[in-house]
């Protein structure tokens, strides 16, 4: 019997947003409702494309980088490995990744202490540049993190840029608290947007397949 793990953040005004920036808080507005005698109930959503669980496009960090529609669904569906890095206190380094025996073309999802809080942590665990270079050397296809950023705004954003320049897909804002380390069938479905630097996504894992 297989089990489905929803590893997406819930979009709501109380959700965590990067740096607790007020302008990034999603706004949900009711524009029509039954109490006013209207026949339909409708709402409007205004949010940053980097809110919650989302897929980054190279344009986010690279001038003239490719936009979100260039990342096909076939690149976001397949087997992925959840790795337990909850022992990492501040950042993930090459030394933390070396024991994992990562394989070429593998998708890897980092489970850290970030998954155990729903409040934005200014000291969230991030991937250091030497860790990013290690992933590139091993031909990793995609990387998911349970922080809202793969790095904490390091000067020149070396983690993002190292990965993006080497065609490693980045997914941020995963929720992995309930997911044991192991291999799962993964599906990540970003909104079908065009010409943008990111897209919010629904993401889930299926175990026992």
Protein backbone atom coordinates (compact mmCIF):
# COMPACT_ATOMS: atom_id res chain seq x y z
CA UNK A 1 0.00 0.00 0.00
CA UNK A 2 1.50 3.31 -0.99
CA UNK A 3 1.44 6.50 1.08
CA UNK A 4 1.19 10.06 -0.25
CA UNK A 5 3.10 12.84 1.51
CA UNK A 6 2.02 16.38 0.71
CA UNK A 7 5.27 18.34 1.00
CA UNK A 8 3.84 21.73 0.02
CA UNK A 9 3.28 24.80 2.15
CA UNK A 10 -0.32 25.97 2.55
CA UNK A 11 -0.95 29.35 0.93
CA UNK A 12 -2.60 31.60 3.52
CA UNK A 13 -1.99 35.06 5.01
CA UNK A 14 -0.47 33.56 8.18
CA UNK A 15 2.18 31.53 6.29
CA UNK A 16 5.88 32.24 6.72
CA UNK A 17 7.45 34.53 4.11
CA UNK A 18 11.09 35.24 3.43
CA UNK A 19 12.60 37.65 5.98
CA UNK A 20 9.06 38.25 7.31
CA UNK A 21 8.73 40.96 4.67
CA UNK A 22 5.21 42.38 4.89
CA UNK A 23 4.87 42.96 1.14
CA UNK A 24 5.43 39.23 0.55
CA UNK A 25 2.45 38.15 2.66
CA UNK A 26 -0.22 36.71 0.31
CA UNK A 27 -3.42 38.72 0.14
CA UNK A 28 -6.68 36.85 -0.27
CA UNK A 29 -9.67 39.07 -0.99
CA UNK A 30 -13.29 38.06 -1.28
CA UNK A 31 -14.78 39.75 -4.35
CA UNK A 32 -18.20 38.09 -4.44
CA UNK A 33 -20.18 36.16 -1.84
CA UNK A 34 -23.60 34.69 -1.15
CA UNK A 35 -24.32 36.94 1.85
CA UNK A 36 -24.52 39.96 -0.47
CA UNK A 37 -27.16 38.29 -2.60
CA UNK A 38 -24.69 37.31 -5.29
CA UNK A 39 -24.99 33.94 -7.00
CA UNK A 40 -21.31 32.98 -6.72
CA UNK A 41 -18.53 33.05 -4.17
CA UNK A 42 -15.22 34.21 -5.65
CA UNK A 43 -11.86 35.24 -4.24
CA UNK A 44 -8.75 36.98 -5.53
CA UNK A 45 -5.19 35.92 -4.65
CA UNK A 46 -2.23 38.32 -4.79
CA UNK A 47 1.12 36.71 -3.96
CA UNK A 48 4.83 36.70 -4.73
CA UNK A 49 5.88 33.88 -7.08
CA UNK A 50 8.52 32.90 -4.48
CA UNK A 51 5.92 32.40 -1.73
CA UNK A 52 5.69 28.99 -0.15
CA UNK A 53 6.76 25.92 -2.10
CA UNK A 54 8.08 27.10 -5.45
CA UNK A 55 10.41 26.32 -8.34
CA UNK A 56 13.14 28.84 -9.13
CA UNK A 57 13.98 29.66 -12.73
CA UNK A 58 17.54 30.71 -13.73
CA UNK A 59 16.28 34.26 -14.42
CA UNK A 60 15.92 34.67 -10.66
CA UNK A 61 19.69 34.94 -10.26
CA UNK A 62 21.20 35.05 -13.77
CA UNK A 63 20.90 38.02 -16.11
CA UNK A 64 19.20 36.80 -19.29
CA UNK A 65 18.60 33.43 -17.57
CA UNK A 66 15.83 31.15 -18.77
CA UNK A 67 12.30 31.65 -17.46
CA UNK A 68 10.03 29.26 -15.61
CA UNK A 69 8.24 27.74 -18.63
CA UNK A 70 11.55 26.29 -19.85
CA UNK A 71 11.47 23.79 -16.96
CA UNK A 72 9.27 20.96 -18.23
CA UNK A 73 7.11 18.72 -16.09
CA UNK A 74 9.21 15.73 -17.18
CA UNK A 75 12.08 17.32 -15.24
CA UNK A 76 9.98 17.57 -12.07
CA UNK A 77 8.46 14.09 -11.95
CA UNK A 78 10.34 10.93 -11.04
CA UNK A 79 12.20 9.30 -8.19
CA UNK A 80 13.83 11.46 -5.53
CA UNK A 81 15.78 10.77 -2.38
CA UNK A 82 15.01 12.48 0.93
CA UNK A 83 18.21 12.80 2.96
CA UNK A 84 18.23 13.50 6.70
CA UNK A 85 20.43 16.50 7.45
CA UNK A 86 18.74 17.47 10.71
CA UNK A 87 22.15 17.38 12.40
CA UNK A 88 23.29 20.42 10.40
CA UNK A 89 22.97 23.45 12.65
CA UNK A 90 23.75 26.37 10.34
CA UNK A 91 24.61 25.18 6.83
CA UNK A 92 25.16 22.13 4.64
CA UNK A 93 28.71 21.60 3.41
CA UNK A 94 30.58 19.27 1.09
CA UNK A 95 31.58 17.24 4.17
CA UNK A 96 27.90 16.75 5.07
CA UNK A 97 27.09 15.51 1.56
CA UNK A 98 30.05 13.20 0.96
CA UNK A 99 28.68 10.29 3.07
CA UNK A 100 25.40 10.23 1.09
CA UNK A 101 26.81 8.49 -2.00
CA UNK A 102 24.86 10.76 -4.33
CA UNK A 103 24.37 9.50 -7.87
CA UNK A 104 24.47 11.22 -11.24
CA UNK A 105 21.05 12.50 -12.40
CA UNK A 106 19.59 12.01 -8.93
CA UNK A 107 17.00 14.30 -7.37
CA UNK A 108 17.80 14.99 -3.72
CA UNK A 109 15.59 16.64 -1.08
CA UNK A 110 17.19 18.09 2.05
CA UNK A 111 15.33 17.42 5.28
CA UNK A 112 16.69 19.77 7.96
CA UNK A 113 15.47 21.40 11.14
CA UNK A 114 13.76 23.96 8.85
CA UNK A 115 10.87 21.51 8.41
CA UNK A 116 10.05 21.58 12.10
CA UNK A 117 8.86 25.19 12.33
CA UNK A 118 6.18 27.13 10.49
CA UNK A 119 7.69 30.49 11.49
CA UNK A 120 10.40 32.15 9.41
CA UNK A 121 13.80 31.51 10.96
CA UNK A 122 16.41 34.13 10.09
CA UNK A 123 19.05 31.49 10.88
CA UNK A 124 17.59 28.80 8.63
CA UNK A 125 19.86 26.00 7.45
CA UNK A 126 21.21 26.70 3.96
CA UNK A 127 23.48 25.07 1.39
CA UNK A 128 26.97 26.52 1.43
CA UNK A 129 28.79 27.19 -1.85
CA UNK A 130 31.17 24.24 -1.41
CA UNK A 131 28.12 21.97 -1.02
CA UNK A 132 26.65 23.36 -4.24
CA UNK A 133 29.89 22.68 -6.11
CA UNK A 134 29.87 19.11 -4.79
CA UNK A 135 26.35 18.57 -6.14
CA UNK A 136 27.42 19.89 -9.55
CA UNK A 137 30.48 17.62 -9.59
CA UNK A 138 28.20 14.64 -8.98
CA UNK A 139 25.76 15.58 -11.73
CA UNK A 140 22.74 16.08 -9.49
CA UNK A 141 19.65 16.83 -11.60
CA UNK A 142 17.52 18.63 -9.03
CA UNK A 143 17.60 19.84 -5.46
CA UNK A 144 14.80 20.55 -3.01
CA UNK A 145 15.18 22.35 0.29
CA UNK A 146 12.84 22.85 3.24
CA UNK A 147 13.88 26.49 3.64
CA UNK A 148 12.37 29.38 1.71
CA UNK A 149 15.83 29.95 0.26
CA UNK A 150 18.72 27.71 -0.73
CA UNK A 151 21.00 30.36 0.78
CA UNK A 152 20.64 33.31 3.15
CA UNK A 153 21.45 36.08 0.67
CA UNK A 154 25.19 35.35 0.63
CA UNK A 155 27.21 38.01 -1.27
CA UNK A 156 26.85 37.38 -5.02
CA UNK A 157 24.50 34.43 -4.30
CA UNK A 158 27.13 31.75 -5.10
CA UNK A 159 24.93 28.76 -4.17
CA UNK A 160 22.08 29.71 -6.49
CA UNK A 161 24.38 30.71 -9.31
CA UNK A 162 26.61 27.64 -9.10
CA UNK A 163 23.57 25.39 -9.36
CA UNK A 164 21.72 27.39 -12.02
CA UNK A 165 24.76 27.76 -14.27
CA UNK A 166 24.99 23.97 -14.27
CA UNK A 167 21.29 23.31 -14.97
CA UNK A 168 20.44 22.01 -11.50
CA UNK A 169 16.75 22.68 -10.77
CA UNK A 170 16.04 24.33 -7.41
CA UNK A 171 12.83 23.85 -5.44
CA UNK A 172 12.42 25.79 -2.19
CA UNK A 173 9.90 25.77 0.64
CA UNK A 174 9.30 22.03 1.01
CA UNK A 175 7.73 20.54 4.17
CA UNK A 176 9.46 17.29 5.10
CA UNK A 177 8.77 16.94 8.84
CA UNK A 178 6.65 13.80 8.42
CA UNK A 179 8.77 12.21 5.69
CA UNK A 180 11.34 9.55 6.70
CA UNK A 181 14.62 9.49 4.81
CA UNK A 182 14.42 7.27 1.74
CA UNK A 183 13.51 7.10 -1.94
CA UNK A 184 10.06 8.19 -3.17
CA UNK A 185 8.22 8.91 -6.38
CA UNK A 186 8.10 12.71 -6.59
CA UNK A 187 5.77 15.06 -8.42
CA UNK A 188 6.20 18.83 -8.43
CA UNK A 189 3.66 20.86 -10.40
CA UNK A 190 4.44 24.58 -10.72
CA UNK A 191 1.74 26.92 -11.94
CA UNK A 192 1.83 27.21 -15.72
CA UNK A 193 3.30 30.71 -15.88
CA UNK A 194 5.37 32.29 -18.63
CA UNK A 195 8.30 34.70 -18.68
CA UNK A 196 8.79 34.73 -14.91
CA UNK A 197 11.58 33.98 -12.44
CA UNK A 198 9.68 31.34 -10.40
CA UNK A 199 6.33 29.65 -9.92
CA UNK A 200 4.47 28.43 -6.81
CA UNK A 201 4.04 24.65 -6.87
CA UNK A 202 2.13 21.75 -5.35
CA UNK A 203 4.58 19.02 -4.44
CA UNK A 204 4.08 15.50 -3.15
CA UNK A 205 5.92 12.23 -2.62
CA UNK A 206 4.57 8.71 -2.96
CA UNK A 207 6.16 5.97 -0.89
CA UNK A 208 5.78 2.21 -1.14
CA UNK A 209 5.71 2.06 -4.93
